[in-house]
C-alpha atoms as a PDB file:
ATOM      1  CA  UNK A   1     105.494 130.451 102.221  1.00  0.00           C
ATOM      2  CA  UNK A   2     108.672 128.025 101.851  1.00  0.00           C
ATOM      3  CA  UNK A   3     110.808 130.930 103.009  1.00  0.00           C
ATOM      4  CA  UNK A   4     108.687 131.244 106.291  1.00  0.00           C
ATOM      5  CA  UNK A   5     109.534 128.006 107.402  1.00  0.00           C
ATOM      6  CA  UNK A   6     113.134 128.653 106.881  1.00  0.00           C
ATOM      7  CA  UNK A   7     113.876 132.011 108.539  1.00  0.00           C
ATOM      8  CA  UNK A   8     113.010 133.337 111.991  1.00  0.00           C
ATOM      9  CA  UNK A   9     112.587 130.130 113.850  1.00  0.00           C
ATOM     10  CA  UNK A  10     114.115 130.280 117.073  1.00  0.00           C
ATOM     11  CA  UNK A  11     114.982 126.559 117.305  1.00  0.00           C
ATOM     12  CA  UNK A  12     117.090 126.756 114.125  1.00  0.00           C
ATOM     13  CA  UNK A  13     120.662 127.898 114.561  1.00  0.00           C
ATOM     14  CA  UNK A  14     121.216 129.693 111.118  1.00  0.00           C
ATOM     15  CA  UNK A  15     125.033 129.824 109.846  1.00  0.00           C
ATOM     16  CA  UNK A  16     123.551 132.330 107.484  1.00  0.00           C
ATOM     17  CA  UNK A  17     122.150 135.846 108.047  1.00  0.00           C
ATOM     18  CA  UNK A  18     118.383 136.263 107.429  1.00  0.00           C
ATOM     19  CA  UNK A  19     118.991 139.007 104.936  1.00  0.00           C
ATOM     20  CA  UNK A  20     121.281 136.685 103.050  1.00  0.00           C
ATOM     21  CA  UNK A  21     119.157 134.021 102.937  1.00  0.00           C
ATOM     22  CA  UNK A  22     116.089 136.184 101.798  1.00  0.00           C
ATOM     23  CA  UNK A  23     118.454 137.617  98.887  1.00  0.00           C
ATOM     24  CA  UNK A  24     119.375 134.169  97.998  1.00  0.00           C
ATOM     25  CA  UNK A  25     115.959 132.820  98.081  1.00  0.00           C
ATOM     26  CA  UNK A  26     114.033 135.769  96.163  1.00  0.00           C
ATOM     27  CA  UNK A  27     117.045 135.011  93.595  1.00  0.00           C
ATOM     28  CA  UNK A  28     116.928 131.490  92.970  1.00  0.00           C
ATOM     29  CA  UNK A  29     113.424 130.349  94.037  1.00  0.00           C
ATOM     30  CA  UNK A  30     111.668 130.419  90.637  1.00  0.00           C
ATOM     31  CA  UNK A  31     114.728 128.996  88.816  1.00  0.00           C
ATOM     32  CA  UNK A  32     115.267 126.202  91.395  1.00  0.00           C
ATOM     33  CA  UNK A  33     111.505 125.509  91.268  1.00  0.00           C
ATOM     34  CA  UNK A  34     111.629 125.187  87.767  1.00  0.00           C
ATOM     35  CA  UNK A  35     114.535 122.952  87.462  1.00  0.00           C
ATOM     36  CA  UNK A  36     113.036 120.732  90.173  1.00  0.00           C
ATOM     37  CA  UNK A  37     109.713 120.639  88.679  1.00  0.00           C
ATOM     38  CA  UNK A  38     111.303 119.462  85.248  1.00  0.00           C
ATOM     39  CA  UNK A  39     112.170 116.319  86.898  1.00  0.00           C
ATOM     40  CA  UNK A  40     109.626 115.877  89.491  1.00  0.00           C
ATOM     41  CA  UNK A  41     105.995 115.788  88.256  1.00  0.00           C
ATOM     42  CA  UNK A  42     103.868 116.845  91.415  1.00  0.00           C
ATOM     43  CA  UNK A  43     104.238 120.338  92.446  1.00  0.00           C
ATOM     44  CA  UNK A  44     103.829 119.365  96.124  1.00  0.00           C
ATOM     45  CA  UNK A  45     107.051 117.213  96.041  1.00  0.00           C
ATOM     46  CA  UNK A  46     108.805 119.715  93.935  1.00  0.00           C
ATOM     47  CA  UNK A  47     108.175 122.265  96.708  1.00  0.00           C
ATOM     48  CA  UNK A  48     109.415 119.691  99.554  1.00  0.00           C
ATOM     49  CA  UNK A  49     112.603 119.488  97.833  1.00  0.00           C
ATOM     50  CA  UNK A  50     112.983 123.047  97.408  1.00  0.00           C
ATOM     51  CA  UNK A  51     112.430 123.707 101.140  1.00  0.00           C
ATOM     52  CA  UNK A  52     115.307 121.009 101.962  1.00  0.00           C
ATOM     53  CA  UNK A  53     117.623 122.590  99.722  1.00  0.00           C
ATOM     54  CA  UNK A  54     117.036 125.930 101.085  1.00  0.00           C
ATOM     55  CA  UNK A  55     116.921 124.508 104.689  1.00  0.00           C
ATOM     56  CA  UNK A  56     120.045 122.878 104.202  1.00  0.00           C
ATOM     57  CA  UNK A  57     121.515 126.272 102.720  1.00  0.00           C
ATOM     58  CA  UNK A  58     120.695 128.079 106.006  1.00  0.00           C
ATOM     59  CA  UNK A  59     122.600 125.299 107.934  1.00  0.00           C
ATOM     60  CA  UNK A  60     125.998 125.735 105.854  1.00  0.00           C
ATOM     61  CA  UNK A  61     128.451 128.401 106.247  1.00  0.00           C
ATOM     62  CA  UNK A  62     128.802 129.827 102.693  1.00  0.00           C
ATOM     63  CA  UNK A  63     129.140 133.700 103.645  1.00  0.00           C
ATOM     64  CA  UNK A  64     133.016 133.340 102.174  1.00  0.00           C
ATOM     65  CA  UNK A  65     131.790 131.922  98.799  1.00  0.00           C
ATOM     66  CA  UNK A  66     131.097 134.144  95.692  1.00  0.00           C
ATOM     67  CA  UNK A  67     127.462 134.107  94.393  1.00  0.00           C
ATOM     68  CA  UNK A  68     128.557 131.703  91.560  1.00  0.00           C
ATOM     69  CA  UNK A  69     129.753 129.104  93.629  1.00  0.00           C
ATOM     70  CA  UNK A  70     126.303 129.545  95.771  1.00  0.00           C
ATOM     71  CA  UNK A  71     124.314 129.041  92.700  1.00  0.00           C
ATOM     72  CA  UNK A  72     126.362 125.885  91.746  1.00  0.00           C
ATOM     73  CA  UNK A  73     126.021 124.419  95.468  1.00  0.00           C
ATOM     74  CA  UNK A  74     122.145 125.065  95.249  1.00  0.00           C
ATOM     75  CA  UNK A  75     121.698 123.201  92.075  1.00  0.00           C
ATOM     76  CA  UNK A  76     124.173 120.417  93.065  1.00  0.00           C
ATOM     77  CA  UNK A  77     122.045 119.983  96.263  1.00  0.00           C
ATOM     78  CA  UNK A  78     118.620 120.294  94.405  1.00  0.00           C
ATOM     79  CA  UNK A  79     119.772 117.431  91.970  1.00  0.00           C
ATOM     80  CA  UNK A  80     121.156 115.239  94.923  1.00  0.00           C
ATOM     81  CA  UNK A  81     117.444 115.906  96.768  1.00  0.00           C
ATOM     82  CA  UNK A  82     115.807 114.787  93.245  1.00  0.00           C
ATOM     83  CA  UNK A  83     117.936 111.747  92.879  1.00  0.00           C
ATOM     84  CA  UNK A  84     117.053 110.609  96.154  1.00  0.00           C
ATOM     85  CA  UNK A  85     113.386 111.361  95.901  1.00  0.00           C
ATOM     86  CA  UNK A  86     113.636 109.093  92.586  1.00  0.00           C
ATOM     87  CA  UNK A  87     115.445 106.486  94.105  1.00  0.00           C
ATOM     88  CA  UNK A  88     113.215 106.086  97.298  1.00  0.00           C
ATOM     89  CA  UNK A  89     110.176 106.221  94.695  1.00  0.00           C
ATOM     90  CA  UNK A  90     111.644 103.310  92.506  1.00  0.00           C
ATOM     91  CA  UNK A  91     112.448 101.357  95.607  1.00  0.00           C
ATOM     92  CA  UNK A  92     108.979 101.469  96.913  1.00  0.00           C
ATOM     93  CA  UNK A  93     106.979 100.631  93.477  1.00  0.00           C
ATOM     94  CA  UNK A  94     107.772  98.011  90.812  1.00  0.00           C
ATOM     95  CA  UNK A  95     110.788  98.996  88.863  1.00  0.00           C
ATOM     96  CA  UNK A  96     108.599  97.797  85.660  1.00  0.00           C
ATOM     97  CA  UNK A  97     106.576 100.870  86.076  1.00  0.00           C
ATOM     98  CA  UNK A  98     109.590 103.140  85.251  1.00  0.00           C
ATOM     99  CA  UNK A  99     110.350 103.131  81.398  1.00  0.00           C
ATOM    100  CA  UNK A 100     111.101 105.742  78.879  1.00  0.00           C
ATOM    101  CA  UNK A 101     108.434 103.843  76.646  1.00  0.00           C
ATOM    102  CA  UNK A 102     105.088 105.198  77.476  1.00  0.00           C
ATOM    103  CA  UNK A 103     106.489 106.808  80.485  1.00  0.00           C
ATOM    104  CA  UNK A 104     103.464 108.925  81.368  1.00  0.00           C
ATOM    105  CA  UNK A 105     101.118 105.803  81.639  1.00  0.00           C
ATOM    106  CA  UNK A 106     103.363 103.919  84.264  1.00  0.00           C
ATOM    107  CA  UNK A 107     104.334 106.916  85.916  1.00  0.00           C
ATOM    108  CA  UNK A 108     100.544 107.495  86.464  1.00  0.00           C
ATOM    109  CA  UNK A 109      99.909 104.096  87.570  1.00  0.00           C
ATOM    110  CA  UNK A 110     103.059 104.221  89.985  1.00  0.00           C
ATOM    111  CA  UNK A 111     101.682 107.517  91.400  1.00  0.00           C
ATOM    112  CA  UNK A 112      98.290 105.884  92.202  1.00  0.00           C
ATOM    113  CA  UNK A 113      99.886 102.986  93.914  1.00  0.00           C
ATOM    114  CA  UNK A 114     102.274 104.984  95.934  1.00  0.00           C
ATOM    115  CA  UNK A 115      99.615 107.376  96.855  1.00  0.00           C
ATOM    116  CA  UNK A 116      98.829 107.103 100.658  1.00  0.00           C
ATOM    117  CA  UNK A 117      95.832 109.635 100.766  1.00  0.00           C
ATOM    118  CA  UNK A 118      92.975 108.129 102.622  1.00  0.00           C
ATOM    119  CA  UNK A 119      90.350 109.104  99.494  1.00  0.00           C
ATOM    120  CA  UNK A 120      87.821 106.341  98.598  1.00  0.00           C
ATOM    121  CA  UNK A 121      88.496 107.352  94.903  1.00  0.00           C
ATOM    122  CA  UNK A 122      91.999 106.819  95.132  1.00  0.00           C
ATOM    123  CA  UNK A 123      91.969 103.610  97.433  1.00  0.00           C
ATOM    124  CA  UNK A 124      89.367 102.107  94.827  1.00  0.00           C
ATOM    125  CA  UNK A 125      91.993 102.966  92.090  1.00  0.00           C
ATOM    126  CA  UNK A 126      94.835 101.616  93.832  1.00  0.00           C
ATOM    127  CA  UNK A 127      92.766  98.280  94.580  1.00  0.00           C
ATOM    128  CA  UNK A 128      91.669  98.052  90.904  1.00  0.00           C
ATOM    129  CA  UNK A 129      95.447  98.416  89.730  1.00  0.00           C
ATOM    130  CA  UNK A 130      96.883  95.946  92.239  1.00  0.00           C
ATOM    131  CA  UNK A 131      94.209  93.435  91.211  1.00  0.00           C
ATOM    132  CA  UNK A 132      94.926  93.708  87.615  1.00  0.00           C
ATOM    133  CA  UNK A 133      98.777  93.230  88.623  1.00  0.00           C
ATOM    134  CA  UNK A 134      97.949  89.945  90.372  1.00  0.00           C
ATOM    135  CA  UNK A 135      95.862  88.904  87.205  1.00  0.00           C
ATOM    136  CA  UNK A 136      98.757  89.709  84.976  1.00  0.00           C
ATOM    137  CA  UNK A 137     100.977  87.706  87.138  1.00  0.00           C
ATOM    138  CA  UNK A 138      98.694  84.673  87.263  1.00  0.00           C
ATOM    139  CA  UNK A 139      98.375  84.855  83.485  1.00  0.00           C
ATOM    140  CA  UNK A 140     102.204  84.307  83.295  1.00  0.00           C
ATOM    141  CA  UNK A 141     103.698  80.749  82.539  1.00  0.00           C
ATOM    142  CA  UNK A 142     105.196  79.762  85.952  1.00  0.00           C
ATOM    143  CA  UNK A 143     108.817  79.907  85.058  1.00  0.00           C
ATOM    144  CA  UNK A 144     108.463  83.404  83.932  1.00  0.00           C
ATOM    145  CA  UNK A 145     106.485  84.336  86.811  1.00  0.00           C
ATOM    146  CA  UNK A 146     108.837  83.180  89.280  1.00  0.00           C
ATOM    147  CA  UNK A 147     111.649  85.011  87.332  1.00  0.00           C
ATOM    148  CA  UNK A 148     109.598  88.204  87.140  1.00  0.00           C
ATOM    149  CA  UNK A 149     108.981  88.105  90.861  1.00  0.00           C
ATOM    150  CA  UNK A 150     112.564  87.637  91.804  1.00  0.00           C
ATOM    151  CA  UNK A 151     113.609  90.065  89.884  1.00  0.00           C
ATOM    152  CA  UNK A 152     111.187  92.783  90.605  1.00  0.00           C
ATOM    153  CA  UNK A 153     109.604  92.124  93.983  1.00  0.00           C
ATOM    154  CA  UNK A 154     112.721  90.824  95.619  1.00  0.00           C
ATOM    155  CA  UNK A 155     115.432  92.700  93.501  1.00  0.00           C
ATOM    156  CA  UNK A 156     117.426  89.607  92.853  1.00  0.00           C
ATOM    157  CA  UNK A 157     119.831  90.321  89.889  1.00  0.00           C
ATOM    158  CA  UNK A 158     119.934  87.693  86.914  1.00  0.00           C
ATOM    159  CA  UNK A 159     123.002  86.140  88.081  1.00  0.00           C
ATOM    160  CA  UNK A 160     121.333  85.648  91.444  1.00  0.00           C
ATOM    161  CA  UNK A 161     117.955  84.356  90.177  1.00  0.00           C
ATOM    162  CA  UNK A 162     120.009  81.989  87.806  1.00  0.00           C
ATOM    163  CA  UNK A 163     121.714  80.393  90.645  1.00  0.00           C
ATOM    164  CA  UNK A 164     118.668  80.400  92.894  1.00  0.00           C
ATOM    165  CA  UNK A 165     116.643  78.421  90.395  1.00  0.00           C
ATOM    166  CA  UNK A 166     119.556  76.381  89.008  1.00  0.00           C
ATOM    167  CA  UNK A 167     118.944  77.713  85.363  1.00  0.00           C
ATOM    168  CA  UNK A 168     121.219  79.291  82.747  1.00  0.00           C
ATOM    169  CA  UNK A 169     121.965  82.803  82.539  1.00  0.00           C
ATOM    170  CA  UNK A 170     120.346  83.280  78.922  1.00  0.00           C
ATOM    171  CA  UNK A 171     117.256  81.405  79.908  1.00  0.00           C
ATOM    172  CA  UNK A 172     116.413  83.777  82.912  1.00  0.00           C
ATOM    173  CA  UNK A 173     116.986  86.721  80.553  1.00  0.00           C
ATOM    174  CA  UNK A 174     114.785  85.345  78.328  1.00  0.00           C
ATOM    175  CA  UNK A 175     112.043  84.447  81.014  1.00  0.00           C
ATOM    176  CA  UNK A 176     112.256  87.783  82.378  1.00  0.00           C
ATOM    177  CA  UNK A 177     112.146  89.551  78.934  1.00  0.00           C
ATOM    178  CA  UNK A 178     109.052  87.922  78.167  1.00  0.00           C
ATOM    179  CA  UNK A 179     107.374  88.535  81.791  1.00  0.00           C
ATOM    180  CA  UNK A 180     108.206  92.090  81.330  1.00  0.00           C
ATOM    181  CA  UNK A 181     106.775  92.743  77.863  1.00  0.00           C
ATOM    182  CA  UNK A 182     103.520  90.625  78.943  1.00  0.00           C
ATOM    183  CA  UNK A 183     103.223  92.885  82.187  1.00  0.00           C
ATOM    184  CA  UNK A 184     103.983  96.095  80.374  1.00  0.00           C
ATOM    185  CA  UNK A 185     101.387  95.229  77.525  1.00  0.00           C
ATOM    186  CA  UNK A 186      98.847  93.936  80.103  1.00  0.00           C
ATOM    187  CA  UNK A 187      98.874  97.214  82.027  1.00  0.00           C
ATOM    188  CA  UNK A 188      99.014  99.474  78.748  1.00  0.00           C
ATOM    189  CA  UNK A 189      95.790  97.742  77.853  1.00  0.00           C
ATOM    190  CA  UNK A 190      94.324  98.254  81.279  1.00  0.00           C
ATOM    191  CA  UNK A 191      95.309 101.853  80.931  1.00  0.00           C
ATOM    192  CA  UNK A 192      93.429 102.187  77.613  1.00  0.00           C
ATOM    193  CA  UNK A 193      90.336 100.437  78.348  1.00  0.00           C
ATOM    194  CA  UNK A 194      89.916 101.734  81.975  1.00  0.00           C
ATOM    195  CA  UNK A 195      92.257 104.104  83.523  1.00  0.00           C
ATOM    196  CA  UNK A 196      91.979 106.920  81.151  1.00  0.00           C
ATOM    197  CA  UNK A 197      88.145 107.208  81.561  1.00  0.00           C
ATOM    198  CA  UNK A 198      88.368 106.572  85.597  1.00  0.00           C
ATOM    199  CA  UNK A 199      90.927 109.438  85.836  1.00  0.00           C
END
C-alpha cells in the first residue's frame, strides 16, 4: 500500500530506479516498520513515518552506495522522523503528560487530547479530560498554579519564571515540583476512577 504511493507517479521525479526502490522496500519494510512501531504507538502514525522515509529515499541519489550504507541511511532517517514526530506531539500537549512513570496512563490521556477526529465519544472524552485538568489547576495554591502554567503552558524556564515572578529559583523549583506531583496524582486518580471504564 505504501509502495504504491511512492513509485509510478508521473509527478515524482525519481533519483532511484523503481526496480531498486521495490527491492529496498521489500527488504526493509517490515524491519523498519517494526523499528518505528517500537517507538510510535499508533500503527497509522508509524506507517506515515515509514512512507516519509521511503519517499525521501526515492528522492535521494543512493545508487553509488553499498547496501549496508543504504540500510544505515534508512534507519537514520527513520530515527530522525520519529524524533520530529515526538517533538511535535510534546509541543502540542502538556509536557507533564510525558513521563516514564505510569507512561501508559498519561500517553493514553495525551492521545485523546490530541485526537482531532470528529467522533462524539472522543470529543466527550476530550472535554472530560480538559475539564479535569482545569479542576486540578483550580485546586492548586495560586503560587503553584502560576508557576505550573508558566512552565507547562508557556514553556518558560525556571530561571525565566523566577525573574518574571520576582521569586528565588529554589522557591520556583519547589512550587513547580509540588504542582506537578499534584497534577499527576489528580490525573492518575481520574484515570483509575473513570478513564479505564470509559475507554
